[in-house]
Amino acid sequence: MLEALLVGVCMFLVFGLVALAAASLAAALALATLARDCEEREGR
C-alpha cells in the first residue's frame, strides 16, 4: 500500500516536472518567434 503510494507520488512529480519543462520550452520558443517577428517588422 505504502509502496504504491510512493510510486504514484514519484510518477506525479516526474510528470509535473516534464510538463513544466515542456511548458517553459514552448513559452521560450513563442517569445523568440514573437521577438523575431517584431525585429523583422521594425527592419522594414
N, C-alpha and C. Protein backbone atom coordinates (compact mmCIF):
# COMPACT_ATOMS: atom_id res chain seq x y z
N MET A 1 0.85 -1.20 0.00
CA MET A 1 0.00 0.00 0.00
C MET A 1 0.88 1.25 0.00
N LEU A 2 1.82 1.31 0.95
CA LEU A 2 2.68 2.48 1.05
C LEU A 2 3.58 2.60 -0.18
N GLU A 3 4.07 1.46 -0.66
CA GLU A 3 4.95 1.49 -1.84
C GLU A 3 4.20 2.02 -3.06
N ALA A 4 2.95 1.59 -3.21
CA ALA A 4 2.14 2.05 -4.35
C ALA A 4 1.93 3.56 -4.24
N LEU A 5 1.72 4.05 -3.03
CA LEU A 5 1.52 5.48 -2.83
C LEU A 5 2.79 6.25 -3.19
N LEU A 6 3.95 5.74 -2.76
CA LEU A 6 5.21 6.40 -3.08
C LEU A 6 5.46 6.41 -4.58
N VAL A 7 5.18 5.29 -5.24
CA VAL A 7 5.36 5.21 -6.70
C VAL A 7 4.45 6.22 -7.38
N GLY A 8 3.22 6.33 -6.92
CA GLY A 8 2.28 7.28 -7.50
C GLY A 8 2.77 8.71 -7.32
N VAL A 9 3.26 9.03 -6.13
CA VAL A 9 3.77 10.38 -5.88
C VAL A 9 4.97 10.68 -6.76
N CYS A 10 5.88 9.72 -6.87
CA CYS A 10 7.08 9.92 -7.70
C CYS A 10 6.69 10.12 -9.16
N MET A 11 5.75 9.30 -9.65
CA MET A 11 5.31 9.44 -11.04
C MET A 11 4.66 10.80 -11.25
N PHE A 12 3.86 11.25 -10.27
CA PHE A 12 3.20 12.55 -10.36
C PHE A 12 4.23 13.68 -10.41
N LEU A 13 5.27 13.59 -9.57
CA LEU A 13 6.31 14.62 -9.56
C LEU A 13 7.07 14.64 -10.87
N VAL A 14 7.44 13.46 -11.38
CA VAL A 14 8.17 13.38 -12.64
C VAL A 14 7.32 13.94 -13.77
N PHE A 15 6.05 13.55 -13.82
CA PHE A 15 5.16 14.05 -14.87
C PHE A 15 5.00 15.56 -14.76
N GLY A 16 4.91 16.08 -13.54
CA GLY A 16 4.78 17.52 -13.34
C GLY A 16 6.03 18.25 -13.81
N LEU A 17 7.20 17.70 -13.51
CA LEU A 17 8.45 18.34 -13.95
C LEU A 17 8.56 18.33 -15.47
N VAL A 18 8.18 17.22 -16.10
CA VAL A 18 8.23 17.13 -17.56
C VAL A 18 7.26 18.13 -18.18
N ALA A 19 6.06 18.22 -17.62
CA ALA A 19 5.06 19.16 -18.14
C ALA A 19 5.55 20.60 -17.96
N LEU A 20 6.17 20.89 -16.82
CA LEU A 20 6.69 22.24 -16.57
C LEU A 20 7.81 22.57 -17.55
N ALA A 21 8.70 21.62 -17.79
CA ALA A 21 9.79 21.85 -18.74
C ALA A 21 9.24 22.07 -20.15
N ALA A 22 8.24 21.28 -20.54
CA ALA A 22 7.65 21.43 -21.87
C ALA A 22 6.96 22.79 -21.99
N ALA A 23 6.26 23.21 -20.95
CA ALA A 23 5.57 24.50 -20.99
C ALA A 23 6.57 25.65 -21.07
N SER A 24 7.65 25.59 -20.30
CA SER A 24 8.65 26.66 -20.33
C SER A 24 9.35 26.70 -21.68
N LEU A 25 9.60 25.52 -22.27
CA LEU A 25 10.24 25.45 -23.58
C LEU A 25 9.32 26.06 -24.64
N ALA A 26 8.03 25.73 -24.57
CA ALA A 26 7.07 26.29 -25.53
C ALA A 26 6.97 27.80 -25.37
N ALA A 27 6.98 28.29 -24.13
CA ALA A 27 6.90 29.73 -23.89
C ALA A 27 8.15 30.43 -24.42
N ALA A 28 9.32 29.85 -24.21
CA ALA A 28 10.56 30.45 -24.71
C ALA A 28 10.55 30.48 -26.23
N LEU A 29 10.08 29.41 -26.85
CA LEU A 29 10.01 29.35 -28.32
C LEU A 29 9.04 30.41 -28.84
N ALA A 30 7.90 30.56 -28.19
CA ALA A 30 6.92 31.56 -28.61
C ALA A 30 7.49 32.97 -28.46
N LEU A 31 8.19 33.23 -27.35
CA LEU A 31 8.78 34.56 -27.14
C LEU A 31 9.86 34.83 -28.18
N ALA A 32 10.66 33.84 -28.50
CA ALA A 32 11.72 34.02 -29.50
C ALA A 32 11.10 34.31 -30.86
N THR A 33 10.05 33.59 -31.21
CA THR A 33 9.38 33.81 -32.50
C THR A 33 8.76 35.20 -32.54
N LEU A 34 8.13 35.60 -31.44
CA LEU A 34 7.49 36.91 -31.37
C LEU A 34 8.54 38.02 -31.49
N ALA A 35 9.66 37.87 -30.79
CA ALA A 35 10.73 38.88 -30.85
C ALA A 35 11.29 38.97 -32.27
N ARG A 36 11.45 37.83 -32.93
CA ARG A 36 11.98 37.84 -34.29
C ARG A 36 11.01 38.53 -35.24
N ASP A 37 9.72 38.28 -35.07
CA ASP A 37 8.72 38.92 -35.92
C ASP A 37 8.75 40.43 -35.70
N CYS A 38 8.87 40.86 -34.45
CA CYS A 38 8.92 42.30 -34.16
C CYS A 38 10.16 42.93 -34.80
N GLU A 39 11.30 42.24 -34.73
CA GLU A 39 12.52 42.78 -35.33
C GLU A 39 12.37 42.89 -36.84
N GLU A 40 11.74 41.90 -37.46
CA GLU A 40 11.55 41.94 -38.91
C GLU A 40 10.62 43.09 -39.29
N ARG A 41 9.60 43.32 -38.50
CA ARG A 41 8.67 44.41 -38.80
C ARG A 41 9.36 45.76 -38.65
N GLU A 42 10.18 45.91 -37.62
CA GLU A 42 10.88 47.19 -37.42
C GLU A 42 11.94 47.40 -38.50
N GLY A 43 12.52 46.30 -38.99
CA GLY A 43 13.57 46.42 -40.00
C GLY A 43 13.02 46.93 -41.33
N ARG A 44 11.74 46.66 -41.61
CA ARG A 44 11.18 47.07 -42.91
C ARG A 44 10.88 48.55 -42.95
